[in-house]
N, C-alpha and C. Protein backbone atom coordinates (compact mmCIF):
# COMPACT_ATOMS: atom_id res chain seq x y z
N MET A 1 86.01 226.51 269.12
CA MET A 1 85.37 225.46 268.25
C MET A 1 84.99 224.27 269.17
N GLU A 2 83.82 223.79 268.94
CA GLU A 2 83.33 222.62 269.73
C GLU A 2 83.80 221.30 269.30
N ALA A 3 84.35 220.53 270.08
CA ALA A 3 84.86 219.22 269.65
C ALA A 3 83.72 218.29 269.30
N THR A 4 83.89 217.46 268.36
CA THR A 4 82.89 216.45 267.95
C THR A 4 83.50 215.07 268.06
N PHE A 5 82.71 214.06 268.29
CA PHE A 5 83.20 212.75 268.46
C PHE A 5 82.28 211.81 267.68
N ASP A 6 82.98 210.80 266.95
CA ASP A 6 82.16 209.82 266.24
C ASP A 6 82.27 208.52 267.07
N LEU A 7 81.34 208.33 267.89
CA LEU A 7 81.40 207.06 268.78
C LEU A 7 81.38 205.80 268.01
N GLU A 8 80.87 205.80 266.75
CA GLU A 8 80.84 204.60 265.94
C GLU A 8 82.25 204.12 265.54
N THR A 9 83.18 205.12 265.42
CA THR A 9 84.53 204.76 264.99
C THR A 9 85.53 204.70 266.14
N MET A 10 85.07 205.18 267.31
CA MET A 10 86.09 205.10 268.44
C MET A 10 86.13 203.72 269.09
N THR A 11 87.31 203.43 269.61
CA THR A 11 87.45 202.17 270.32
C THR A 11 86.84 202.30 271.68
N ASP A 12 86.63 201.13 272.39
CA ASP A 12 86.11 201.22 273.67
C ASP A 12 87.04 201.99 274.61
N GLU A 13 88.32 201.86 274.44
CA GLU A 13 89.30 202.57 275.27
C GLU A 13 89.17 204.05 275.05
N GLU A 14 88.95 204.48 273.86
CA GLU A 14 88.86 205.93 273.56
C GLU A 14 87.57 206.40 274.19
N VAL A 15 86.53 205.66 274.16
CA VAL A 15 85.25 206.17 274.73
C VAL A 15 85.40 206.30 276.22
N VAL A 16 86.00 205.19 276.90
CA VAL A 16 86.24 205.33 278.32
C VAL A 16 87.12 206.47 278.72
N ASP A 17 88.14 206.73 277.95
CA ASP A 17 89.03 207.81 278.23
C ASP A 17 88.23 209.16 278.09
N LEU A 18 87.44 209.31 277.07
CA LEU A 18 86.62 210.47 276.83
C LEU A 18 85.71 210.75 278.02
N LEU A 19 85.18 209.68 278.69
CA LEU A 19 84.29 209.84 279.77
C LEU A 19 84.94 209.82 281.09
N GLY A 20 86.22 209.97 281.19
CA GLY A 20 86.90 210.10 282.44
C GLY A 20 87.89 209.05 282.83
N GLY A 21 87.95 207.96 281.96
CA GLY A 21 89.01 206.99 282.10
C GLY A 21 88.86 205.90 283.18
N ASP A 22 87.83 205.99 284.02
CA ASP A 22 87.66 204.99 285.05
C ASP A 22 86.40 204.10 284.76
N LEU A 23 86.61 202.97 284.16
CA LEU A 23 85.54 202.11 283.65
C LEU A 23 84.66 201.62 284.85
N ASP A 24 85.33 201.24 285.98
CA ASP A 24 84.56 200.78 287.14
C ASP A 24 83.63 201.89 287.67
N ARG A 25 84.15 203.12 287.69
CA ARG A 25 83.41 204.30 288.18
C ARG A 25 82.17 204.49 287.19
N LEU A 26 82.46 204.43 285.90
CA LEU A 26 81.33 204.60 284.93
C LEU A 26 80.29 203.53 285.09
N HIS A 27 80.66 202.27 285.38
CA HIS A 27 79.71 201.22 285.62
C HIS A 27 78.91 201.55 286.90
N ARG A 28 79.53 202.02 287.89
CA ARG A 28 78.84 202.37 289.17
C ARG A 28 77.80 203.51 288.91
N LEU A 29 78.22 204.49 288.09
CA LEU A 29 77.39 205.60 287.82
C LEU A 29 76.11 205.21 287.03
N LEU A 30 76.39 204.29 286.01
CA LEU A 30 75.24 203.83 285.20
C LEU A 30 74.32 202.95 286.07
N ASP A 31 74.88 202.13 286.93
CA ASP A 31 74.02 201.28 287.76
C ASP A 31 73.17 202.14 288.78
N ASP A 32 73.83 203.18 289.37
CA ASP A 32 73.11 204.12 290.23
C ASP A 32 72.00 204.78 289.52
N ALA A 33 72.29 205.21 288.24
CA ALA A 33 71.28 206.03 287.48
C ALA A 33 70.10 205.06 287.17
N GLN A 34 70.35 203.75 286.86
CA GLN A 34 69.27 202.89 286.57
C GLN A 34 68.42 202.59 287.79
N LYS A 35 69.07 202.42 288.92
CA LYS A 35 68.29 202.23 290.20
C LYS A 35 67.47 203.39 290.57
N ARG A 36 68.06 204.59 290.34
CA ARG A 36 67.42 205.91 290.68
C ARG A 36 66.17 206.04 289.73
N ASP A 37 66.32 205.76 288.45
CA ASP A 37 65.26 205.91 287.50
C ASP A 37 64.16 204.88 287.76
N ALA A 38 64.47 203.68 288.20
CA ALA A 38 63.48 202.67 288.51
C ALA A 38 62.71 203.07 289.74
N ALA A 39 63.37 203.63 290.72
CA ALA A 39 62.72 204.08 291.95
C ALA A 39 61.79 205.21 291.67
N PHE A 40 62.16 206.09 290.81
CA PHE A 40 61.30 207.23 290.38
C PHE A 40 60.11 206.78 289.63
N ASP A 41 60.26 205.75 288.71
CA ASP A 41 59.20 205.23 287.96
C ASP A 41 58.15 204.68 288.93
N ALA A 42 58.59 204.07 290.00
CA ALA A 42 57.65 203.48 290.97
C ALA A 42 56.75 204.51 291.63
N VAL A 43 57.14 205.74 291.75
CA VAL A 43 56.44 206.82 292.43
C VAL A 43 55.90 207.93 291.47
N ARG A 44 56.21 207.82 290.24
CA ARG A 44 55.83 208.87 289.24
C ARG A 44 54.28 209.19 289.29
N ASP A 45 53.47 208.20 289.30
CA ASP A 45 52.05 208.47 289.24
C ASP A 45 51.58 209.23 290.48
N ASP A 46 52.10 208.91 291.66
CA ASP A 46 51.73 209.60 292.89
C ASP A 46 52.23 211.03 292.81
N LEU A 47 53.51 211.23 292.39
CA LEU A 47 54.04 212.52 292.28
C LEU A 47 53.27 213.45 291.24
N THR A 48 52.82 212.78 290.15
CA THR A 48 52.13 213.50 289.14
C THR A 48 50.81 214.04 289.70
N LYS A 49 50.15 213.28 290.58
CA LYS A 49 48.91 213.64 291.19
C LYS A 49 49.13 214.76 292.19
N GLU A 50 50.31 214.71 292.88
CA GLU A 50 50.61 215.74 293.87
C GLU A 50 51.08 217.05 293.25
N PHE A 51 51.86 216.89 292.16
CA PHE A 51 52.49 218.08 291.49
C PHE A 51 52.25 218.16 290.00
N PRO A 52 50.93 218.10 289.58
CA PRO A 52 50.70 218.05 288.13
C PRO A 52 51.19 219.36 287.44
N ASN A 53 51.65 219.08 286.16
CA ASN A 53 52.11 220.21 285.38
C ASN A 53 53.26 220.95 285.95
N ARG A 54 54.13 220.34 286.75
CA ARG A 54 55.32 220.97 287.35
C ARG A 54 56.53 220.18 287.02
N TRP A 55 57.64 220.84 286.97
CA TRP A 55 58.95 220.28 286.93
C TRP A 55 59.28 219.76 288.33
N ILE A 56 59.95 218.60 288.36
CA ILE A 56 60.40 218.08 289.72
C ILE A 56 61.82 217.64 289.58
N ALA A 57 62.51 217.86 290.71
CA ALA A 57 63.84 217.25 290.94
C ALA A 57 63.69 216.29 292.07
N TRP A 58 64.09 215.07 291.90
CA TRP A 58 63.78 214.05 292.89
C TRP A 58 65.00 213.17 293.17
N VAL A 59 65.15 212.80 294.39
CA VAL A 59 66.14 211.83 294.82
C VAL A 59 65.43 210.70 295.61
N GLN A 60 66.20 209.69 295.93
CA GLN A 60 65.57 208.52 296.59
C GLN A 60 64.63 208.88 297.77
N GLY A 61 64.99 209.97 298.53
CA GLY A 61 64.23 210.35 299.64
C GLY A 61 62.99 211.13 299.29
N GLY A 62 62.82 211.51 298.03
CA GLY A 62 61.64 212.34 297.71
C GLY A 62 62.02 213.57 296.88
N PRO A 63 60.98 214.34 296.65
CA PRO A 63 61.24 215.60 295.85
C PRO A 63 62.21 216.58 296.59
N VAL A 64 63.15 217.16 295.86
CA VAL A 64 64.01 218.21 296.46
C VAL A 64 63.60 219.55 295.94
N ALA A 65 62.91 219.60 294.87
CA ALA A 65 62.44 220.84 294.24
C ALA A 65 61.33 220.65 293.22
N THR A 66 60.39 221.53 293.21
CA THR A 66 59.38 221.62 292.10
C THR A 66 59.30 223.07 291.60
N ALA A 67 58.95 223.16 290.40
CA ALA A 67 58.93 224.60 289.81
C ALA A 67 58.15 224.51 288.60
N ASP A 68 57.73 225.73 288.04
CA ASP A 68 56.97 225.81 286.79
C ASP A 68 57.91 225.77 285.58
N SER A 69 59.19 225.86 285.74
CA SER A 69 60.09 225.86 284.60
C SER A 69 61.33 225.03 284.91
N LEU A 70 61.82 224.46 283.84
CA LEU A 70 63.09 223.67 283.99
C LEU A 70 64.20 224.48 284.54
N ASP A 71 64.39 225.75 284.09
CA ASP A 71 65.42 226.55 284.64
C ASP A 71 65.32 226.82 286.10
N SER A 72 64.08 226.99 286.58
CA SER A 72 63.88 227.18 288.01
C SER A 72 64.11 225.99 288.81
N VAL A 73 63.75 224.83 288.28
CA VAL A 73 63.96 223.64 289.16
C VAL A 73 65.49 223.36 289.21
N TYR A 74 66.20 223.61 288.11
CA TYR A 74 67.68 223.43 288.20
C TYR A 74 68.32 224.47 289.08
N ALA A 75 67.86 225.68 289.15
CA ALA A 75 68.32 226.70 289.98
C ALA A 75 68.21 226.25 291.47
N LYS A 76 67.00 225.56 291.74
CA LYS A 76 66.80 225.10 293.14
C LYS A 76 67.74 223.97 293.46
N VAL A 77 68.01 223.11 292.48
CA VAL A 77 68.95 221.96 292.66
C VAL A 77 70.32 222.53 292.98
N ASP A 78 70.68 223.56 292.17
CA ASP A 78 71.96 224.15 292.36
C ASP A 78 72.09 224.82 293.77
N ALA A 79 71.07 225.48 294.13
CA ALA A 79 71.04 226.21 295.44
C ALA A 79 71.14 225.19 296.60
N GLU A 80 70.67 223.96 296.42
CA GLU A 80 70.75 222.93 297.39
C GLU A 80 72.11 222.22 297.46
N GLY A 81 72.94 222.61 296.46
CA GLY A 81 74.34 222.07 296.39
C GLY A 81 74.31 220.64 295.93
N LEU A 82 73.21 220.17 295.19
CA LEU A 82 73.23 218.86 294.66
C LEU A 82 73.86 218.79 293.27
N LYS A 83 74.45 217.71 292.93
CA LYS A 83 74.98 217.43 291.59
C LYS A 83 73.80 217.13 290.69
N ARG A 84 73.82 217.76 289.55
CA ARG A 84 72.63 217.61 288.67
C ARG A 84 72.45 216.21 288.22
N ASP A 85 73.56 215.44 288.16
CA ASP A 85 73.41 214.09 287.70
C ASP A 85 73.03 213.13 288.76
N SER A 86 72.76 213.67 290.00
CA SER A 86 72.36 212.85 291.07
C SER A 86 70.91 212.83 291.33
N VAL A 87 70.19 213.64 290.52
CA VAL A 87 68.73 213.78 290.67
C VAL A 87 68.04 213.39 289.41
N VAL A 88 66.73 213.06 289.49
CA VAL A 88 65.87 212.81 288.38
C VAL A 88 65.14 214.07 288.24
N VAL A 89 65.19 214.65 286.99
CA VAL A 89 64.49 215.97 286.72
C VAL A 89 63.46 215.57 285.58
N GLU A 90 62.19 215.84 285.84
CA GLU A 90 61.19 215.46 284.84
C GLU A 90 59.99 216.36 284.95
N PHE A 91 59.28 216.61 283.84
CA PHE A 91 58.07 217.33 283.90
C PHE A 91 56.94 216.31 284.16
N LEU A 92 56.03 216.63 285.12
CA LEU A 92 54.98 215.71 285.56
C LEU A 92 53.74 216.06 284.76
N ASP A 93 53.55 215.48 283.65
CA ASP A 93 52.34 215.76 282.81
C ASP A 93 51.29 214.73 283.13
N PRO A 94 50.16 215.20 283.64
CA PRO A 94 49.07 214.24 283.98
C PRO A 94 48.42 213.71 282.66
N ASN A 95 48.58 214.30 281.54
CA ASN A 95 48.05 213.78 280.31
C ASN A 95 49.10 213.65 279.26
N PRO A 96 50.07 212.79 279.44
CA PRO A 96 51.23 212.69 278.49
C PRO A 96 50.79 212.26 277.13
N PRO A 97 51.40 212.75 276.08
CA PRO A 97 51.04 212.35 274.79
C PRO A 97 51.24 210.92 274.55
N ILE A 98 50.34 210.35 273.67
CA ILE A 98 50.54 208.87 273.39
C ILE A 98 51.54 208.77 272.25
N LEU A 99 52.53 207.90 272.46
CA LEU A 99 53.54 207.70 271.47
C LEU A 99 53.22 206.49 270.54
N ARG A 100 53.20 206.76 269.28
CA ARG A 100 52.79 205.65 268.31
C ARG A 100 54.10 205.35 267.60
N LEU A 101 54.33 204.03 267.61
CA LEU A 101 55.52 203.49 266.93
C LEU A 101 55.12 202.74 265.68
């Protein structure tokens, strides 16, 4: 049976414990992810021109894998020995849908 959690009713301490118990580490991970995402955003257009309609796994140094499917790009990430949470994985759509809010 899969565990479920109601984050709305959990205390901050319960959430931190659920996520590994080390609040400083969690802050560092979130900060690293925000910096990585911002760096990727800065090069997304160039990457989309170079690898249109492909999945990409990217780190600060550049692409580590591209593939036609999400499963294939993750297989390449795994083969490189990279942690999945250390890379940005995204589909590079040259004509992304317009979101209307």
